[in-house]
């Protein structure tokens, strides 16, 4: 199966300019402040999300 056939997010894609075939989603992180902060930073490091978002 080719990557463009999947319905998964594309890393480093700007939420203001989503691909026409993809729908933007939001994540809700629930946990201790430290766990949430660490997860936000990890998502930034891997290029999945922007801390400012």
PDB file of N, CA and C in Angstrom:
ATOM      1  N   UNK A   1       0.837  -1.174   0.000  1.00  0.00           N
ATOM      2  CA  UNK A   1       0.000   0.000   0.000  1.00  0.00           C
ATOM      3  C   UNK A   1       0.884   1.239   0.000  1.00  0.00           C
ATOM      4  N   UNK A   2       0.547   2.214  -0.811  1.00  0.00           N
ATOM      5  CA  UNK A   2       1.346   3.424  -0.925  1.00  0.00           C
ATOM      6  C   UNK A   2       0.918   4.451   0.109  1.00  0.00           C
ATOM      7  N   UNK A   3       1.850   5.300   0.549  1.00  0.00           N
ATOM      8  CA  UNK A   3       1.606   6.279   1.601  1.00  0.00           C
ATOM      9  C   UNK A   3       0.460   7.235   1.312  1.00  0.00           C
ATOM     10  N   UNK A   4       0.304   7.657   0.054  1.00  0.00           N
ATOM     11  CA  UNK A   4      -0.751   8.621  -0.237  1.00  0.00           C
ATOM     12  C   UNK A   4      -2.136   8.006  -0.159  1.00  0.00           C
ATOM     13  N   UNK A   5      -2.229   6.676  -0.107  1.00  0.00           N
ATOM     14  CA  UNK A   5      -3.515   6.008   0.012  1.00  0.00           C
ATOM     15  C   UNK A   5      -3.982   5.911   1.461  1.00  0.00           C
ATOM     16  N   UNK A   6      -3.107   6.190   2.400  1.00  0.00           N
ATOM     17  CA  UNK A   6      -3.452   6.080   3.811  1.00  0.00           C
ATOM     18  C   UNK A   6      -4.120   7.354   4.293  1.00  0.00           C
ATOM     19  N   UNK A   7      -4.914   7.232   5.323  1.00  0.00           N
ATOM     20  CA  UNK A   7      -5.586   8.391   5.892  1.00  0.00           C
ATOM     21  C   UNK A   7      -4.904   8.798   7.190  1.00  0.00           C
ATOM     22  N   UNK A   8      -3.573   8.912   7.137  1.00  0.00           N
ATOM     23  CA  UNK A   8      -2.786   9.269   8.308  1.00  0.00           C
ATOM     24  C   UNK A   8      -2.193  10.651   8.108  1.00  0.00           C
ATOM     25  N   UNK A   9      -1.851  11.342   9.205  1.00  0.00           N
ATOM     26  CA  UNK A   9      -1.308  12.693   9.064  1.00  0.00           C
ATOM     27  C   UNK A   9       0.062  12.707   8.416  1.00  0.00           C
ATOM     28  N   UNK A  10       0.370  13.828   7.787  1.00  0.00           N
ATOM     29  CA  UNK A  10       1.676  14.034   7.166  1.00  0.00           C
ATOM     30  C   UNK A  10       2.483  14.920   8.108  1.00  0.00           C
ATOM     31  N   UNK A  11       3.689  14.499   8.442  1.00  0.00           N
ATOM     32  CA  UNK A  11       4.531  15.286   9.337  1.00  0.00           C
ATOM     33  C   UNK A  11       4.930  16.598   8.678  1.00  0.00           C
ATOM     34  N   UNK A  12       5.102  17.616   9.501  1.00  0.00           N
ATOM     35  CA  UNK A  12       5.522  18.954   9.067  1.00  0.00           C
ATOM     36  C   UNK A  12       4.517  19.621   8.141  1.00  0.00           C
ATOM     37  N   UNK A  13       3.271  19.238   8.224  1.00  0.00           N
ATOM     38  CA  UNK A  13       2.247  19.860   7.400  1.00  0.00           C
ATOM     39  C   UNK A  13       1.601  20.985   8.187  1.00  0.00           C
ATOM     40  N   UNK A  14       1.508  22.156   7.609  1.00  0.00           N
ATOM     41  CA  UNK A  14       0.936  23.306   8.282  1.00  0.00           C
ATOM     42  C   UNK A  14      -0.571  23.158   8.413  1.00  0.00           C
ATOM     43  N   UNK A  15      -1.143  23.385   9.616  1.00  0.00           N
ATOM     44  CA  UNK A  15      -2.585  23.272   9.767  1.00  0.00           C
ATOM     45  C   UNK A  15      -3.347  24.330   8.958  1.00  0.00           C
ATOM     46  N   UNK A  16      -2.697  25.449   8.624  1.00  0.00           N
ATOM     47  CA  UNK A  16      -3.355  26.481   7.830  1.00  0.00           C
ATOM     48  C   UNK A  16      -3.471  26.073   6.360  1.00  0.00           C
ATOM     49  N   UNK A  17      -2.681  25.106   5.937  1.00  0.00           N
ATOM     50  CA  UNK A  17      -2.663  24.700   4.543  1.00  0.00           C
ATOM     51  C   UNK A  17      -2.768  23.177   4.443  1.00  0.00           C
ATOM     52  N   UNK A  18      -3.887  22.590   4.921  1.00  0.00           N
ATOM     53  CA  UNK A  18      -3.995  21.138   4.895  1.00  0.00           C
ATOM     54  C   UNK A  18      -4.140  20.610   3.470  1.00  0.00           C
ATOM     55  N   UNK A  19      -3.750  19.374   3.280  1.00  0.00           N
ATOM     56  CA  UNK A  19      -3.918  18.728   1.986  1.00  0.00           C
ATOM     57  C   UNK A  19      -5.416  18.662   1.681  1.00  0.00           C
ATOM     58  N   UNK A  20      -5.817  18.833   0.436  1.00  0.00           N
ATOM     59  CA  UNK A  20      -7.244  18.841   0.105  1.00  0.00           C
ATOM     60  C   UNK A  20      -7.968  17.544   0.487  1.00  0.00           C
ATOM     61  N   UNK A  21      -7.261  16.438   0.544  1.00  0.00           N
ATOM     62  CA  UNK A  21      -7.887  15.155   0.859  1.00  0.00           C
ATOM     63  C   UNK A  21      -7.870  14.851   2.348  1.00  0.00           C
ATOM     64  N   UNK A  22      -7.281  15.705   3.159  1.00  0.00           N
ATOM     65  CA  UNK A  22      -7.138  15.428   4.591  1.00  0.00           C
ATOM     66  C   UNK A  22      -7.932  16.424   5.420  1.00  0.00           C
ATOM     67  N   UNK A  23      -8.468  15.919   6.499  1.00  0.00           N
ATOM     68  CA  UNK A  23      -9.236  16.758   7.413  1.00  0.00           C
ATOM     69  C   UNK A  23      -8.408  17.030   8.661  1.00  0.00           C
ATOM     70  N   UNK A  24      -8.267  18.308   9.053  1.00  0.00           N
ATOM     71  CA  UNK A  24      -7.491  18.591  10.259  1.00  0.00           C
ATOM     72  C   UNK A  24      -8.186  18.010  11.490  1.00  0.00           C
ATOM     73  N   UNK A  25      -7.388  17.573  12.447  1.00  0.00           N
ATOM     74  CA  UNK A  25      -7.927  17.040  13.692  1.00  0.00           C
ATOM     75  C   UNK A  25      -7.265  17.748  14.867  1.00  0.00           C
ATOM     76  N   UNK A  26      -7.845  17.607  16.039  1.00  0.00           N
ATOM     77  CA  UNK A  26      -7.258  18.149  17.248  1.00  0.00           C
ATOM     78  C   UNK A  26      -7.014  17.007  18.214  1.00  0.00           C
ATOM     79  N   UNK A  27      -5.957  17.138  19.003  1.00  0.00           N
ATOM     80  CA  UNK A  27      -5.635  16.151  20.026  1.00  0.00           C
ATOM     81  C   UNK A  27      -5.913  16.761  21.386  1.00  0.00           C
ATOM     82  N   UNK A  28      -6.374  15.941  22.300  1.00  0.00           N
ATOM     83  CA  UNK A  28      -6.577  16.360  23.668  1.00  0.00           C
ATOM     84  C   UNK A  28      -5.663  15.512  24.536  1.00  0.00           C
ATOM     85  N   UNK A  29      -4.719  16.165  25.198  1.00  0.00           N
ATOM     86  CA  UNK A  29      -3.778  15.453  26.062  1.00  0.00           C
ATOM     87  C   UNK A  29      -4.248  15.583  27.499  1.00  0.00           C
ATOM     88  N   UNK A  30      -4.424  14.453  28.151  1.00  0.00           N
ATOM     89  CA  UNK A  30      -4.869  14.426  29.540  1.00  0.00           C
ATOM     90  C   UNK A  30      -3.835  13.671  30.349  1.00  0.00           C
ATOM     91  N   UNK A  31      -3.361  14.288  31.416  1.00  0.00           N
ATOM     92  CA  UNK A  31      -2.376  13.659  32.276  1.00  0.00           C
ATOM     93  C   UNK A  31      -1.762  14.696  33.188  1.00  0.00           C
ATOM     94  N   UNK A  32      -0.706  14.303  33.851  1.00  0.00           N
ATOM     95  CA  UNK A  32      -0.027  15.252  34.736  1.00  0.00           C
ATOM     96  C   UNK A  32       0.570  16.378  33.888  1.00  0.00           C
ATOM     97  N   UNK A  33       0.746  17.555  34.480  1.00  0.00           N
ATOM     98  CA  UNK A  33       1.360  18.658  33.718  1.00  0.00           C
ATOM     99  C   UNK A  33       2.701  18.265  33.099  1.00  0.00           C
ATOM    100  N   UNK A  34       3.501  17.503  33.816  1.00  0.00           N
ATOM    101  CA  UNK A  34       4.805  17.090  33.290  1.00  0.00           C
ATOM    102  C   UNK A  34       4.637  16.167  32.082  1.00  0.00           C
ATOM    103  N   UNK A  35       3.721  15.197  32.171  1.00  0.00           N
ATOM    104  CA  UNK A  35       3.503  14.265  31.052  1.00  0.00           C
ATOM    105  C   UNK A  35       2.972  14.995  29.823  1.00  0.00           C
ATOM    106  N   UNK A  36       2.054  15.920  30.028  1.00  0.00           N
ATOM    107  CA  UNK A  36       1.491  16.679  28.904  1.00  0.00           C
ATOM    108  C   UNK A  36       2.573  17.542  28.256  1.00  0.00           C
ATOM    109  N   UNK A  37       3.351  18.252  29.075  1.00  0.00           N
ATOM    110  CA  UNK A  37       4.428  19.092  28.549  1.00  0.00           C
ATOM    111  C   UNK A  37       5.457  18.266  27.798  1.00  0.00           C
ATOM    112  N   UNK A  38       5.842  17.132  28.347  1.00  0.00           N
ATOM    113  CA  UNK A  38       6.808  16.258  27.669  1.00  0.00           C
ATOM    114  C   UNK A  38       6.258  15.761  26.337  1.00  0.00           C
ATOM    115  N   UNK A  39       4.982  15.423  26.308  1.00  0.00           N
ATOM    116  CA  UNK A  39       4.375  14.938  25.061  1.00  0.00           C
ATOM    117  C   UNK A  39       4.322  16.040  24.018  1.00  0.00           C
ATOM    118  N   UNK A  40       3.969  17.242  24.433  1.00  0.00           N
ATOM    119  CA  UNK A  40       3.941  18.377  23.501  1.00  0.00           C
ATOM    120  C   UNK A  40       5.327  18.605  22.904  1.00  0.00           C
ATOM    121  N   UNK A  41       6.337  18.581  23.743  1.00  0.00           N
ATOM    122  CA  UNK A  41       7.715  18.782  23.252  1.00  0.00           C
ATOM    123  C   UNK A  41       8.140  17.638  22.336  1.00  0.00           C
ATOM    124  N   UNK A  42       7.760  16.408  22.665  1.00  0.00           N
ATOM    125  CA  UNK A  42       8.097  15.267  21.810  1.00  0.00           C
ATOM    126  C   UNK A  42       7.439  15.411  20.438  1.00  0.00           C
ATOM    127  N   UNK A  43       6.173  15.813  20.410  1.00  0.00           N
ATOM    128  CA  UNK A  43       5.476  15.987  19.129  1.00  0.00           C
ATOM    129  C   UNK A  43       6.132  17.086  18.296  1.00  0.00           C
ATOM    130  N   UNK A  44       6.663  18.104  18.964  1.00  0.00           N
ATOM    131  CA  UNK A  44       7.410  19.156  18.260  1.00  0.00           C
ATOM    132  C   UNK A  44       8.703  18.594  17.675  1.00  0.00           C
ATOM    133  N   UNK A  45       9.428  17.819  18.472  1.00  0.00           N
ATOM    134  CA  UNK A  45      10.724  17.271  18.039  1.00  0.00           C
ATOM    135  C   UNK A  45      10.566  16.373  16.814  1.00  0.00           C
ATOM    136  N   UNK A  46       9.510  15.573  16.785  1.00  0.00           N
ATOM    137  CA  UNK A  46       9.325  14.667  15.639  1.00  0.00           C
ATOM    138  C   UNK A  46       8.670  15.348  14.449  1.00  0.00           C
ATOM    139  N   UNK A  47       8.343  16.635  14.596  1.00  0.00           N
ATOM    140  CA  UNK A  47       7.777  17.390  13.478  1.00  0.00           C
ATOM    141  C   UNK A  47       6.298  17.205  13.284  1.00  0.00           C
ATOM    142  N   UNK A  48       5.622  16.648  14.274  1.00  0.00           N
ATOM    143  CA  UNK A  48       4.186  16.385  14.136  1.00  0.00           C
ATOM    144  C   UNK A  48       3.341  17.587  14.510  1.00  0.00           C
ATOM    145  N   UNK A  49       3.788  18.371  15.480  1.00  0.00           N
ATOM    146  CA  UNK A  49       3.010  19.507  15.952  1.00  0.00           C
ATOM    147  C   UNK A  49       3.931  20.674  16.262  1.00  0.00           C
ATOM    148  N   UNK A  50       3.338  21.833  16.395  1.00  0.00           N
ATOM    149  CA  UNK A  50       4.076  23.031  16.742  1.00  0.00           C
ATOM    150  C   UNK A  50       3.681  23.409  18.171  1.00  0.00           C
ATOM    151  N   UNK A  51       4.635  23.715  19.018  1.00  0.00           N
ATOM    152  CA  UNK A  51       4.349  24.055  20.416  1.00  0.00           C
ATOM    153  C   UNK A  51       3.362  25.216  20.492  1.00  0.00           C
ATOM    154  N   UNK A  52       3.454  26.159  19.576  1.00  0.00           N
ATOM    155  CA  UNK A  52       2.541  27.310  19.586  1.00  0.00           C
ATOM    156  C   UNK A  52       1.099  26.916  19.326  1.00  0.00           C
ATOM    157  N   UNK A  53       0.897  25.768  18.707  1.00  0.00           N
ATOM    158  CA  UNK A  53      -0.476  25.320  18.409  1.00  0.00           C
ATOM    159  C   UNK A  53      -1.135  24.818  19.661  1.00  0.00           C
TER     160      UNK A  53
END
